[in-house]
């Protein structure tokens, strides 16, 4: 494991509150690194392949009814994700932030 993998933000999806083909609102727990709004995450069989069709962007994080810009282990929050990979999100899936990802369309 390299330094970038060790510091990558990782979140595990506890439940999906709302979902369609381009967005999802989820309850998650941060299980590694620090997760920040604006980060891209890979969604796929191996935790995410950084291809455009399997990416989601973290739009917002809400803890205790307040918006925040980051989440660290072992805290939980409600988050909103958007992008083509949103339809692939499932309960218990762990997704990892992508370094130098491209914009999610």
C-alpha atoms as a PDB file:
ATOM      1  CA  UNK A   1       0.000   0.000   0.000  1.00  0.00           C
ATOM      2  CA  UNK A   2       1.472   3.359  -0.970  1.00  0.00           C
ATOM      3  CA  UNK A   3       1.125   6.617   0.972  1.00  0.00           C
ATOM      4  CA  UNK A   4      -1.722   7.863  -1.251  1.00  0.00           C
ATOM      5  CA  UNK A   5      -3.761   4.687  -0.651  1.00  0.00           C
ATOM      6  CA  UNK A   6      -3.206   4.923   3.107  1.00  0.00           C
ATOM      7  CA  UNK A   7      -4.459   8.530   3.250  1.00  0.00           C
ATOM      8  CA  UNK A   8      -7.339   8.111   0.787  1.00  0.00           C
ATOM      9  CA  UNK A   9     -10.785   8.948   2.120  1.00  0.00           C
ATOM     10  CA  UNK A  10     -12.952   5.854   2.534  1.00  0.00           C
ATOM     11  CA  UNK A  11     -16.630   5.704   3.383  1.00  0.00           C
ATOM     12  CA  UNK A  12     -18.888   2.722   3.968  1.00  0.00           C
ATOM     13  CA  UNK A  13     -22.524   3.070   2.988  1.00  0.00           C
ATOM     14  CA  UNK A  14     -24.848   2.139   5.843  1.00  0.00           C
ATOM     15  CA  UNK A  15     -28.106   2.943   4.046  1.00  0.00           C
ATOM     16  CA  UNK A  16     -29.367   4.639   0.908  1.00  0.00           C
ATOM     17  CA  UNK A  17     -32.118   7.127   1.671  1.00  0.00           C
ATOM     18  CA  UNK A  18     -32.754   8.301  -1.913  1.00  0.00           C
ATOM     19  CA  UNK A  19     -31.237   7.167  -5.210  1.00  0.00           C
ATOM     20  CA  UNK A  20     -31.618   7.444  -8.974  1.00  0.00           C
ATOM     21  CA  UNK A  21     -29.275   6.995 -11.927  1.00  0.00           C
ATOM     22  CA  UNK A  22     -27.371  10.257 -11.242  1.00  0.00           C
ATOM     23  CA  UNK A  23     -27.526  10.913  -7.478  1.00  0.00           C
ATOM     24  CA  UNK A  24     -27.830   9.301  -4.057  1.00  0.00           C
ATOM     25  CA  UNK A  25     -28.376  10.496  -0.505  1.00  0.00           C
ATOM     26  CA  UNK A  26     -26.800   8.040   1.935  1.00  0.00           C
ATOM     27  CA  UNK A  27     -26.018   7.461   5.590  1.00  0.00           C
ATOM     28  CA  UNK A  28     -22.323   6.585   5.783  1.00  0.00           C
ATOM     29  CA  UNK A  29     -19.455   5.986   8.189  1.00  0.00           C
ATOM     30  CA  UNK A  30     -15.968   7.256   7.433  1.00  0.00           C
ATOM     31  CA  UNK A  31     -13.649   4.243   7.693  1.00  0.00           C
ATOM     32  CA  UNK A  32     -10.361   5.751   6.504  1.00  0.00           C
ATOM     33  CA  UNK A  33      -8.573   8.997   5.807  1.00  0.00           C
ATOM     34  CA  UNK A  34     -10.461  12.259   5.694  1.00  0.00           C
ATOM     35  CA  UNK A  35     -13.448  12.696   3.404  1.00  0.00           C
ATOM     36  CA  UNK A  36     -14.147  16.203   2.032  1.00  0.00           C
ATOM     37  CA  UNK A  37     -16.859  17.798  -0.055  1.00  0.00           C
ATOM     38  CA  UNK A  38     -15.851  18.026  -3.696  1.00  0.00           C
ATOM     39  CA  UNK A  39     -13.901  14.752  -3.654  1.00  0.00           C
ATOM     40  CA  UNK A  40     -14.475  12.146  -6.346  1.00  0.00           C
ATOM     41  CA  UNK A  41     -15.014   8.511  -5.390  1.00  0.00           C
ATOM     42  CA  UNK A  42     -14.714   5.380  -7.477  1.00  0.00           C
ATOM     43  CA  UNK A  43     -17.615   2.941  -7.430  1.00  0.00           C
ATOM     44  CA  UNK A  44     -16.993  -0.574  -8.667  1.00  0.00           C
ATOM     45  CA  UNK A  45     -16.197  -4.176  -7.840  1.00  0.00           C
ATOM     46  CA  UNK A  46     -12.788  -3.372  -6.359  1.00  0.00           C
ATOM     47  CA  UNK A  47     -13.884  -0.257  -4.458  1.00  0.00           C
ATOM     48  CA  UNK A  48     -13.723   1.863  -7.544  1.00  0.00           C
ATOM     49  CA  UNK A  49     -12.044   2.143 -10.883  1.00  0.00           C
ATOM     50  CA  UNK A  50     -11.458   5.795 -11.788  1.00  0.00           C
ATOM     51  CA  UNK A  51     -13.405   5.633 -15.047  1.00  0.00           C
ATOM     52  CA  UNK A  52     -15.925   8.413 -15.677  1.00  0.00           C
ATOM     53  CA  UNK A  53     -18.895   6.042 -15.672  1.00  0.00           C
ATOM     54  CA  UNK A  54     -18.036   4.708 -12.197  1.00  0.00           C
ATOM     55  CA  UNK A  55     -17.407   7.981 -10.367  1.00  0.00           C
ATOM     56  CA  UNK A  56     -19.462   9.991  -7.932  1.00  0.00           C
ATOM     57  CA  UNK A  57     -18.757  13.428  -6.467  1.00  0.00           C
ATOM     58  CA  UNK A  58     -19.387  14.236  -2.817  1.00  0.00           C
ATOM     59  CA  UNK A  59     -21.699  17.269  -2.920  1.00  0.00           C
ATOM     60  CA  UNK A  60     -22.412  17.780   0.774  1.00  0.00           C
ATOM     61  CA  UNK A  61     -21.979  16.267   4.242  1.00  0.00           C
ATOM     62  CA  UNK A  62     -24.480  16.749   7.068  1.00  0.00           C
ATOM     63  CA  UNK A  63     -23.830  15.823  10.720  1.00  0.00           C
ATOM     64  CA  UNK A  64     -26.306  16.512  13.512  1.00  0.00           C
ATOM     65  CA  UNK A  65     -28.409  18.665  11.184  1.00  0.00           C
ATOM     66  CA  UNK A  66     -25.467  20.908  10.225  1.00  0.00           C
ATOM     67  CA  UNK A  67     -23.503  21.008   6.976  1.00  0.00           C
ATOM     68  CA  UNK A  68     -19.767  20.435   7.272  1.00  0.00           C
ATOM     69  CA  UNK A  69     -16.887  20.245   4.793  1.00  0.00           C
ATOM     70  CA  UNK A  70     -15.195  17.087   6.073  1.00  0.00           C
ATOM     71  CA  UNK A  71     -15.685  13.769   7.833  1.00  0.00           C
ATOM     72  CA  UNK A  72     -13.068  11.642   9.607  1.00  0.00           C
ATOM     73  CA  UNK A  73     -13.111   8.153  11.165  1.00  0.00           C
ATOM     74  CA  UNK A  74     -15.080   6.785  12.925  1.00  0.00           C
ATOM     75  CA  UNK A  75     -17.818   9.405  12.424  1.00  0.00           C
ATOM     76  CA  UNK A  76     -21.095   8.939  10.556  1.00  0.00           C
ATOM     77  CA  UNK A  77     -23.068  11.425   8.488  1.00  0.00           C
ATOM     78  CA  UNK A  78     -25.665  11.879   5.784  1.00  0.00           C
ATOM     79  CA  UNK A  79     -24.065  12.676   2.440  1.00  0.00           C
ATOM     80  CA  UNK A  80     -25.171  13.490  -1.091  1.00  0.00           C
ATOM     81  CA  UNK A  81     -23.306  11.968  -4.039  1.00  0.00           C
ATOM     82  CA  UNK A  82     -23.830  12.736  -7.728  1.00  0.00           C
ATOM     83  CA  UNK A  83     -22.522  11.302 -10.972  1.00  0.00           C
ATOM     84  CA  UNK A  84     -22.894   8.359 -13.312  1.00  0.00           C
ATOM     85  CA  UNK A  85     -21.774   5.867 -10.656  1.00  0.00           C
ATOM     86  CA  UNK A  86     -24.680   6.694  -8.302  1.00  0.00           C
ATOM     87  CA  UNK A  87     -26.809   3.841  -9.644  1.00  0.00           C
ATOM     88  CA  UNK A  88     -24.083   1.370  -8.608  1.00  0.00           C
ATOM     89  CA  UNK A  89     -24.135   2.318  -4.912  1.00  0.00           C
ATOM     90  CA  UNK A  90     -25.376  -0.375  -2.517  1.00  0.00           C
ATOM     91  CA  UNK A  91     -25.653  -0.928   1.228  1.00  0.00           C
ATOM     92  CA  UNK A  92     -22.339  -1.953   2.885  1.00  0.00           C
ATOM     93  CA  UNK A  93     -20.277  -0.863  -0.141  1.00  0.00           C
ATOM     94  CA  UNK A  94     -17.038   0.922   0.761  1.00  0.00           C
ATOM     95  CA  UNK A  95     -15.910   3.561  -1.722  1.00  0.00           C
ATOM     96  CA  UNK A  96     -12.510   5.268  -1.900  1.00  0.00           C
ATOM     97  CA  UNK A  97     -11.584   8.780  -2.988  1.00  0.00           C
ATOM     98  CA  UNK A  98      -9.826   9.135  -6.330  1.00  0.00           C
ATOM     99  CA  UNK A  99      -6.730  11.274  -6.571  1.00  0.00           C
ATOM    100  CA  UNK A 100      -6.634  13.533  -9.635  1.00  0.00           C
ATOM    101  CA  UNK A 101     -10.044  12.366 -10.844  1.00  0.00           C
ATOM    102  CA  UNK A 102     -11.760  14.101 -13.722  1.00  0.00           C
ATOM    103  CA  UNK A 103     -14.993  16.064 -13.428  1.00  0.00           C
ATOM    104  CA  UNK A 104     -18.125  13.978 -13.018  1.00  0.00           C
ATOM    105  CA  UNK A 105     -20.684  14.745 -15.721  1.00  0.00           C
END
